């Protein structure tokens, strides 16, 4: 069973994740706020959701040409760290 089985047992290091964002920030931004209308905002997203999504892109279970290419080279530790970083960003939501 992979480190990211259904329990998502491996906790990521947000500081390390910030250092690994070079490829991610092109679409999702260093602050997790996308500058690209085709890419979602990741700031404040649930960590386990990000881990599972990246693992699914890596395995090919989830399809997106850019994400499949980027995710294939990520280690389980990279995935955990990047997810921890984006999840650690505080997002304030203001109702209209």
C-alpha atoms as a PDB file:
ATOM      1  CA  UNK A   1       0.000   0.000   0.000  1.00  0.00           C
ATOM      2  CA  UNK A   2       1.327   3.448  -0.896  1.00  0.00           C
ATOM      3  CA  UNK A   3       2.118   5.969   1.818  1.00  0.00           C
ATOM      4  CA  UNK A   4      -1.055   7.800   0.804  1.00  0.00           C
ATOM      5  CA  UNK A   5      -3.524   5.008   1.305  1.00  0.00           C
ATOM      6  CA  UNK A   6      -7.000   6.000   2.366  1.00  0.00           C
ATOM      7  CA  UNK A   7      -5.729   7.157   5.759  1.00  0.00           C
ATOM      8  CA  UNK A   8      -3.188   9.612   4.249  1.00  0.00           C
ATOM      9  CA  UNK A   9      -0.770   8.659   7.016  1.00  0.00           C
ATOM     10  CA  UNK A  10       2.241  10.770   6.048  1.00  0.00           C
ATOM     11  CA  UNK A  11       2.216  14.324   7.408  1.00  0.00           C
ATOM     12  CA  UNK A  12       3.885  16.942   5.267  1.00  0.00           C
ATOM     13  CA  UNK A  13       6.294  19.734   6.141  1.00  0.00           C
ATOM     14  CA  UNK A  14       4.866  23.088   5.005  1.00  0.00           C
ATOM     15  CA  UNK A  15       8.277  24.823   5.099  1.00  0.00           C
ATOM     16  CA  UNK A  16       9.806  22.163   2.899  1.00  0.00           C
ATOM     17  CA  UNK A  17       6.765  22.346   0.632  1.00  0.00           C
ATOM     18  CA  UNK A  18       7.286  26.054   0.031  1.00  0.00           C
ATOM     19  CA  UNK A  19      10.787  25.288  -1.246  1.00  0.00           C
ATOM     20  CA  UNK A  20       9.420  22.729  -3.733  1.00  0.00           C
ATOM     21  CA  UNK A  21       6.888  24.965  -5.496  1.00  0.00           C
ATOM     22  CA  UNK A  22       8.941  26.137  -8.451  1.00  0.00           C
ATOM     23  CA  UNK A  23       6.852  24.238 -10.969  1.00  0.00           C
ATOM     24  CA  UNK A  24       3.534  24.728  -9.157  1.00  0.00           C
ATOM     25  CA  UNK A  25       3.747  28.490  -8.814  1.00  0.00           C
ATOM     26  CA  UNK A  26       3.624  29.030 -12.570  1.00  0.00           C
ATOM     27  CA  UNK A  27      -0.076  28.159 -12.571  1.00  0.00           C
ATOM     28  CA  UNK A  28      -1.139  28.129  -8.920  1.00  0.00           C
ATOM     29  CA  UNK A  29       1.015  30.975  -7.594  1.00  0.00           C
ATOM     30  CA  UNK A  30       3.421  30.860  -4.648  1.00  0.00           C
ATOM     31  CA  UNK A  31       0.582  32.126  -2.484  1.00  0.00           C
ATOM     32  CA  UNK A  32      -1.799  29.473  -3.842  1.00  0.00           C
ATOM     33  CA  UNK A  33      -3.897  32.048  -5.658  1.00  0.00           C
ATOM     34  CA  UNK A  34      -3.954  31.124  -9.302  1.00  0.00           C
ATOM     35  CA  UNK A  35      -2.946  33.642 -11.933  1.00  0.00           C
ATOM     36  CA  UNK A  36      -4.159  31.223 -14.605  1.00  0.00           C
ATOM     37  CA  UNK A  37      -7.933  31.006 -15.196  1.00  0.00           C
ATOM     38  CA  UNK A  38      -7.540  27.305 -16.068  1.00  0.00           C
ATOM     39  CA  UNK A  39      -5.857  26.424 -12.748  1.00  0.00           C
ATOM     40  CA  UNK A  40      -7.620  26.308  -9.377  1.00  0.00           C
ATOM     41  CA  UNK A  41      -6.641  28.233  -6.274  1.00  0.00           C
ATOM     42  CA  UNK A  42      -4.922  25.914  -3.811  1.00  0.00           C
ATOM     43  CA  UNK A  43      -4.490  28.246  -0.822  1.00  0.00           C
ATOM     44  CA  UNK A  44      -6.342  26.955   2.216  1.00  0.00           C
ATOM     45  CA  UNK A  45      -7.417  23.741   0.483  1.00  0.00           C
ATOM     46  CA  UNK A  46      -7.801  20.651   2.668  1.00  0.00           C
ATOM     47  CA  UNK A  47      -4.418  18.927   2.935  1.00  0.00           C
ATOM     48  CA  UNK A  48      -5.688  15.373   2.481  1.00  0.00           C
ATOM     49  CA  UNK A  49      -7.629  16.426  -0.621  1.00  0.00           C
ATOM     50  CA  UNK A  50      -4.445  17.893  -2.132  1.00  0.00           C
ATOM     51  CA  UNK A  51      -2.453  14.761  -1.284  1.00  0.00           C
ATOM     52  CA  UNK A  52      -5.058  12.487  -2.836  1.00  0.00           C
ATOM     53  CA  UNK A  53      -5.381  14.681  -5.929  1.00  0.00           C
ATOM     54  CA  UNK A  54      -1.632  14.830  -6.531  1.00  0.00           C
ATOM     55  CA  UNK A  55      -1.321  11.080  -5.997  1.00  0.00           C
ATOM     56  CA  UNK A  56      -4.142  10.515  -8.516  1.00  0.00           C
ATOM     57  CA  UNK A  57      -2.421  12.768 -11.081  1.00  0.00           C
ATOM     58  CA  UNK A  58       0.855  10.924 -10.455  1.00  0.00           C
ATOM     59  CA  UNK A  59      -0.731   7.498 -10.991  1.00  0.00           C
ATOM     60  CA  UNK A  60      -2.687   8.687 -14.039  1.00  0.00           C
ATOM     61  CA  UNK A  61      -6.017   7.946 -12.325  1.00  0.00           C
ATOM     62  CA  UNK A  62      -6.867  11.644 -12.630  1.00  0.00           C
ATOM     63  CA  UNK A  63      -6.251  13.215 -16.043  1.00  0.00           C
ATOM     64  CA  UNK A  64      -4.835  16.634 -16.823  1.00  0.00           C
ATOM     65  CA  UNK A  65      -2.008  16.921 -19.323  1.00  0.00           C
ATOM     66  CA  UNK A  66       0.017  19.449 -17.333  1.00  0.00           C
ATOM     67  CA  UNK A  67      -0.623  17.946 -13.912  1.00  0.00           C
ATOM     68  CA  UNK A  68       0.146  14.392 -15.022  1.00  0.00           C
ATOM     69  CA  UNK A  69       3.532  15.553 -16.334  1.00  0.00           C
ATOM     70  CA  UNK A  70       4.376  17.533 -13.187  1.00  0.00           C
ATOM     71  CA  UNK A  71       3.115  14.970 -10.684  1.00  0.00           C
ATOM     72  CA  UNK A  72       4.884  11.965 -12.195  1.00  0.00           C
ATOM     73  CA  UNK A  73       8.233  13.174 -10.841  1.00  0.00           C
ATOM     74  CA  UNK A  74       7.005  13.983  -7.320  1.00  0.00           C
ATOM     75  CA  UNK A  75       7.983  11.681  -4.480  1.00  0.00           C
ATOM     76  CA  UNK A  76       5.454  10.849  -1.754  1.00  0.00           C
ATOM     77  CA  UNK A  77       7.373  13.253   0.494  1.00  0.00           C
ATOM     78  CA  UNK A  78       7.163  16.034  -2.120  1.00  0.00           C
ATOM     79  CA  UNK A  79       3.408  15.512  -2.415  1.00  0.00           C
ATOM     80  CA  UNK A  80       2.940  15.611   1.363  1.00  0.00           C
ATOM     81  CA  UNK A  81       5.092  18.743   1.714  1.00  0.00           C
ATOM     82  CA  UNK A  82       3.456  20.705  -1.109  1.00  0.00           C
ATOM     83  CA  UNK A  83      -0.009  19.771   0.163  1.00  0.00           C
ATOM     84  CA  UNK A  84       0.955  20.842   3.694  1.00  0.00           C
ATOM     85  CA  UNK A  85       2.211  24.195   2.410  1.00  0.00           C
ATOM     86  CA  UNK A  86      -0.858  25.089   0.373  1.00  0.00           C
ATOM     87  CA  UNK A  87      -3.170  23.866   3.164  1.00  0.00           C
ATOM     88  CA  UNK A  88      -1.330  26.051   5.696  1.00  0.00           C
ATOM     89  CA  UNK A  89      -2.131  29.277   3.828  1.00  0.00           C
ATOM     90  CA  UNK A  90      -4.906  31.121   5.610  1.00  0.00           C
ATOM     91  CA  UNK A  91      -7.735  32.298   3.386  1.00  0.00           C
ATOM     92  CA  UNK A  92     -10.315  34.796   4.543  1.00  0.00           C
ATOM     93  CA  UNK A  93     -13.692  34.561   2.874  1.00  0.00           C
ATOM     94  CA  UNK A  94     -15.837  37.674   2.884  1.00  0.00           C
ATOM     95  CA  UNK A  95     -19.485  37.251   1.979  1.00  0.00           C
ATOM     96  CA  UNK A  96     -20.870  39.797  -0.477  1.00  0.00           C
END
